[in-house]
Amino acid sequence: MLLKAMVMIVVYILAALIVILLIVAALMPKIYNVEKNIIIKCSVTDVMNRISDMNYYSQWNPWQQSDSTTKSTITGTPGTTGHKYAWEGKKVGVGSLTLLSMNHKHIHFELEFLKPWKSKAKDNWLFEPWGDHNETKVTWQNSGNLPWPIARLIGPMLNKNLNQQFEQGLNNLKKMCEG
């Protein structure tokens, strides 16, 4: 009898912990948004050309650089709607980044992940003349949904990691453009 009672107590405690985690996940933000900027000593056109041409993507993006097993495919014409960078790797999973639209100061991409789990995000860029107009203020913004429950629970860690990756990516972009 004592053993059965102890097992039931453990089951109730585990069930309570699961319910608490599900409630916490329900109260967490449903979306994430990361935004970082940097000043680059290069014209708006030159910086935009580096972002709108997927042939440069793996040279500045730290996430793509983090997996040496990554195989990538680039399709479409640089700087035009539909230009796409697709990847597959052990660490980075499977996904793609597709240019949706572009004007004289914005570039909008759709970021799609297929593995390890399916999700979509918006990847937006703003380019503003800065200083003596030989500089550009670059703002990189990314936002997406955090599905319930797991993604919401890891949302704070995701935000922290994305903030670090965006800072590193913008610094890499700066070095590439100014180098």
Foldseek 3Di string as FASTA:
>chain_A
DVVVVVVVVVVVVVVVVVVVLQVVQVVFDFKDKDKDKDKAQAALVLLVQCVQACVNVCQQQVLNVVFPQKDWDWDDDRPDFQTKIWIDGDVNHTWMWTWHDDDSFKTKIWTFHPPPHTWIKIWMWGWDQDDPNSMIMIMIMMMTTQDPDPSRVCVVVVRVVVNVRVVSSNVSSNVVSVD
